[in-house]
C-alpha cells in the first residue's frame, strides 16, 4: 500500500544556495512515514507502539525550490521480527527529486524496547 502527501515548499525549507535544504528532505521522509503509520493503524496500536529510525539512505537527484508543489510517496518493503524497511520518493510532477530507504524499529512505548511486529500489523500495510 502506497501512501502519499502533497505540499508546497516553504521559505524555511530553502538553504543559502536557493534550493531545498537536504535536512528538509529528511524531515519530509520522516513526516510521510509517520502520516502513513497514523493512517493505517488503530488508536490502540498508536498508544502502544512507536518507531525509531535505525538508518536513512537518501539519494538526491534534482533540486526543488520555494513554492514548488511536492508529493512524497512512501511504502513498506521487507519486514523482520521487530523492523521494517520503508521506501520514499519525493517528486515534483514527473521529476524524481529524492529517493530514500529507511530502516525502522518498532518500540513498545511502556518498555522502550523493541516490540514484535504481528502479522495483523504487517497486513495493514500490504
C-alpha atoms as a PDB file:
ATOM      1  CA  UNK A   1       0.000   0.000   0.000  1.00  0.00           C
ATOM      2  CA  UNK A   2       1.461   3.309  -1.070  1.00  0.00           C
ATOM      3  CA  UNK A   3       0.692   6.454   0.861  1.00  0.00           C
ATOM      4  CA  UNK A   4       1.249   9.984  -0.414  1.00  0.00           C
ATOM      5  CA  UNK A   5       1.174  13.529   0.846  1.00  0.00           C
ATOM      6  CA  UNK A   6       1.340  16.684  -1.308  1.00  0.00           C
ATOM      7  CA  UNK A   7       2.519  20.083  -0.066  1.00  0.00           C
ATOM      8  CA  UNK A   8       4.322  23.275  -1.116  1.00  0.00           C
ATOM      9  CA  UNK A   9       7.944  24.075  -0.357  1.00  0.00           C
ATOM     10  CA  UNK A  10       8.040  26.713   2.386  1.00  0.00           C
ATOM     11  CA  UNK A  11      10.575  29.545   2.660  1.00  0.00           C
ATOM     12  CA  UNK A  12      12.065  27.868   5.763  1.00  0.00           C
ATOM     13  CA  UNK A  13      12.963  24.805   3.623  1.00  0.00           C
ATOM     14  CA  UNK A  14      15.342  26.813   1.418  1.00  0.00           C
ATOM     15  CA  UNK A  15      19.089  26.937   2.076  1.00  0.00           C
ATOM     16  CA  UNK A  16      21.688  29.590   1.228  1.00  0.00           C
ATOM     17  CA  UNK A  17      22.057  28.110  -2.276  1.00  0.00           C
ATOM     18  CA  UNK A  18      18.417  28.916  -3.052  1.00  0.00           C
ATOM     19  CA  UNK A  19      17.065  25.372  -3.157  1.00  0.00           C
ATOM     20  CA  UNK A  20      15.559  22.915  -0.670  1.00  0.00           C
ATOM     21  CA  UNK A  21      17.981  22.003   2.096  1.00  0.00           C
ATOM     22  CA  UNK A  22      18.858  18.312   2.485  1.00  0.00           C
ATOM     23  CA  UNK A  23      17.526  18.391   6.038  1.00  0.00           C
ATOM     24  CA  UNK A  24      14.071  19.337   4.710  1.00  0.00           C
ATOM     25  CA  UNK A  25      14.022  16.209   2.541  1.00  0.00           C
ATOM     26  CA  UNK A  26      14.937  14.099   5.567  1.00  0.00           C
ATOM     27  CA  UNK A  27      12.143  15.742   7.569  1.00  0.00           C
ATOM     28  CA  UNK A  28       9.635  15.086   4.769  1.00  0.00           C
ATOM     29  CA  UNK A  29      10.693  11.416   4.603  1.00  0.00           C
ATOM     30  CA  UNK A  30      10.022  11.068   8.305  1.00  0.00           C
ATOM     31  CA  UNK A  31       6.765  13.048   8.200  1.00  0.00           C
ATOM     32  CA  UNK A  32       5.231  10.987   5.387  1.00  0.00           C
ATOM     33  CA  UNK A  33       6.230   7.750   7.164  1.00  0.00           C
ATOM     34  CA  UNK A  34       4.564   8.898  10.383  1.00  0.00           C
ATOM     35  CA  UNK A  35       1.453  10.033   8.492  1.00  0.00           C
ATOM     36  CA  UNK A  36       1.261   6.620   6.813  1.00  0.00           C
ATOM     37  CA  UNK A  37       1.515   4.893  10.209  1.00  0.00           C
ATOM     38  CA  UNK A  38      -1.203   7.096  11.709  1.00  0.00           C
ATOM     39  CA  UNK A  39      -3.437   6.473   8.692  1.00  0.00           C
ATOM     40  CA  UNK A  40      -3.059   2.685   8.646  1.00  0.00           C
ATOM     41  CA  UNK A  41      -3.331   1.610  12.284  1.00  0.00           C
ATOM     42  CA  UNK A  42      -5.789   1.870  15.148  1.00  0.00           C
ATOM     43  CA  UNK A  43      -5.675   4.341  18.021  1.00  0.00           C
ATOM     44  CA  UNK A  44      -4.853   1.442  20.362  1.00  0.00           C
ATOM     45  CA  UNK A  45      -1.843   0.492  18.248  1.00  0.00           C
ATOM     46  CA  UNK A  46      -0.633   4.104  18.227  1.00  0.00           C
ATOM     47  CA  UNK A  47      -0.948   4.204  22.010  1.00  0.00           C
ATOM     48  CA  UNK A  48       1.038   1.009  22.445  1.00  0.00           C
ATOM     49  CA  UNK A  49       3.797   1.299  19.829  1.00  0.00           C
ATOM     50  CA  UNK A  50       6.156   3.820  18.317  1.00  0.00           C
ATOM     51  CA  UNK A  51       9.054   3.674  15.859  1.00  0.00           C
ATOM     52  CA  UNK A  52      12.683   4.731  15.868  1.00  0.00           C
ATOM     53  CA  UNK A  53      14.919   5.146  12.844  1.00  0.00           C
ATOM     54  CA  UNK A  54      17.897   2.840  12.595  1.00  0.00           C
ATOM     55  CA  UNK A  55      19.248   4.078   9.269  1.00  0.00           C
ATOM     56  CA  UNK A  56      18.454   6.509   6.451  1.00  0.00           C
ATOM     57  CA  UNK A  57      19.753   6.162   2.893  1.00  0.00           C
ATOM     58  CA  UNK A  58      18.935   9.121   0.638  1.00  0.00           C
ATOM     59  CA  UNK A  59      19.791   9.773  -2.994  1.00  0.00           C
ATOM     60  CA  UNK A  60      19.419  13.403  -4.032  1.00  0.00           C
ATOM     61  CA  UNK A  61      18.652  13.627  -7.760  1.00  0.00           C
ATOM     62  CA  UNK A  62      17.242  17.090  -8.574  1.00  0.00           C
ATOM     63  CA  UNK A  63      16.732  20.331  -6.699  1.00  0.00           C
ATOM     64  CA  UNK A  64      13.402  21.725  -5.535  1.00  0.00           C
ATOM     65  CA  UNK A  65      12.655  25.398  -4.959  1.00  0.00           C
ATOM     66  CA  UNK A  66      10.393  27.691  -2.960  1.00  0.00           C
ATOM     67  CA  UNK A  67       6.683  27.253  -3.708  1.00  0.00           C
ATOM     68  CA  UNK A  68       7.208  24.038  -5.734  1.00  0.00           C
ATOM     69  CA  UNK A  69       4.383  21.563  -5.253  1.00  0.00           C
ATOM     70  CA  UNK A  70       5.929  18.371  -3.923  1.00  0.00           C
ATOM     71  CA  UNK A  71       4.496  14.884  -3.448  1.00  0.00           C
ATOM     72  CA  UNK A  72       6.099  12.440  -1.032  1.00  0.00           C
ATOM     73  CA  UNK A  73       5.146   8.793  -1.594  1.00  0.00           C
ATOM     74  CA  UNK A  74       6.050   6.003   0.815  1.00  0.00           C
ATOM     75  CA  UNK A  75       5.558   2.256   1.118  1.00  0.00           C
ATOM     76  CA  UNK A  76       6.907  -0.569   3.253  1.00  0.00           C
ATOM     77  CA  UNK A  77       9.273  -3.202   1.871  1.00  0.00           C
ATOM     78  CA  UNK A  78      10.568  -6.127   3.922  1.00  0.00           C
ATOM     79  CA  UNK A  79       9.535  -6.828   7.489  1.00  0.00           C
ATOM     80  CA  UNK A  80      11.518  -8.668  10.152  1.00  0.00           C
ATOM     81  CA  UNK A  81      10.548  -9.576  13.690  1.00  0.00           C
ATOM     82  CA  UNK A  82      10.955  -6.010  15.014  1.00  0.00           C
ATOM     83  CA  UNK A  83      11.996  -3.938  11.987  1.00  0.00           C
ATOM     84  CA  UNK A  84      10.775  -2.783   8.616  1.00  0.00           C
ATOM     85  CA  UNK A  85      12.279  -1.253   5.540  1.00  0.00           C
ATOM     86  CA  UNK A  86      10.434   1.771   4.159  1.00  0.00           C
ATOM     87  CA  UNK A  87      10.902   3.404   0.779  1.00  0.00           C
ATOM     88  CA  UNK A  88      10.141   7.017  -0.095  1.00  0.00           C
ATOM     89  CA  UNK A  89      10.124   9.002  -3.308  1.00  0.00           C
ATOM     90  CA  UNK A  90       9.794  12.764  -3.357  1.00  0.00           C
ATOM     91  CA  UNK A  91       8.611  14.185  -6.670  1.00  0.00           C
ATOM     92  CA  UNK A  92       7.755  17.439  -8.378  1.00  0.00           C
ATOM     93  CA  UNK A  93       5.320  16.366 -11.096  1.00  0.00           C
ATOM     94  CA  UNK A  94       7.201  13.701 -13.109  1.00  0.00           C
ATOM     95  CA  UNK A  95      10.623  14.700 -11.722  1.00  0.00           C
ATOM     96  CA  UNK A  96      12.066  12.345  -9.123  1.00  0.00           C
ATOM     97  CA  UNK A  97      13.857  14.669  -6.692  1.00  0.00           C
ATOM     98  CA  UNK A  98      14.823  12.261  -3.925  1.00  0.00           C
ATOM     99  CA  UNK A  99      14.607   8.544  -3.294  1.00  0.00           C
ATOM    100  CA  UNK A 100      15.171   7.089   0.131  1.00  0.00           C
ATOM    101  CA  UNK A 101      15.205   3.899   2.136  1.00  0.00           C
ATOM    102  CA  UNK A 102      14.819   3.972   5.896  1.00  0.00           C
ATOM    103  CA  UNK A 103      15.072   1.142   8.394  1.00  0.00           C
ATOM    104  CA  UNK A 104      12.704   1.480  11.340  1.00  0.00           C
ATOM    105  CA  UNK A 105      12.427  -0.486  14.593  1.00  0.00           C
ATOM    106  CA  UNK A 106       9.068  -0.785  16.351  1.00  0.00           C
ATOM    107  CA  UNK A 107       9.212   0.117  20.049  1.00  0.00           C
ATOM    108  CA  UNK A 108       6.869  -0.763  22.890  1.00  0.00           C
ATOM    109  CA  UNK A 109       6.009   2.589  24.473  1.00  0.00           C
ATOM    110  CA  UNK A 110       5.837   1.163  28.015  1.00  0.00           C
ATOM    111  CA  UNK A 111       9.188  -0.630  28.000  1.00  0.00           C
ATOM    112  CA  UNK A 112      11.029   1.453  25.379  1.00  0.00           C
ATOM    113  CA  UNK A 113      12.297  -1.857  23.972  1.00  0.00           C
ATOM    114  CA  UNK A 114      11.878  -3.359  20.506  1.00  0.00           C
ATOM    115  CA  UNK A 115       8.446  -4.935  20.020  1.00  0.00           C
ATOM    116  CA  UNK A 116       7.496  -7.928  17.914  1.00  0.00           C
ATOM    117  CA  UNK A 117       5.586  -6.958  14.767  1.00  0.00           C
ATOM    118  CA  UNK A 118       2.420  -9.001  14.359  1.00  0.00           C
ATOM    119  CA  UNK A 119       1.175 -10.477  11.089  1.00  0.00           C
ATOM    120  CA  UNK A 120      -2.009  -8.426  11.514  1.00  0.00           C
ATOM    121  CA  UNK A 121       0.032  -5.224  11.620  1.00  0.00           C
ATOM    122  CA  UNK A 122       2.027  -6.193   8.539  1.00  0.00           C
ATOM    123  CA  UNK A 123      -1.194  -6.885   6.630  1.00  0.00           C
ATOM    124  CA  UNK A 124      -2.385  -3.315   7.269  1.00  0.00           C
ATOM    125  CA  UNK A 125       0.455  -2.133   5.026  1.00  0.00           C
ATOM    126  CA  UNK A 126       0.124  -4.806   2.310  1.00  0.00           C
END
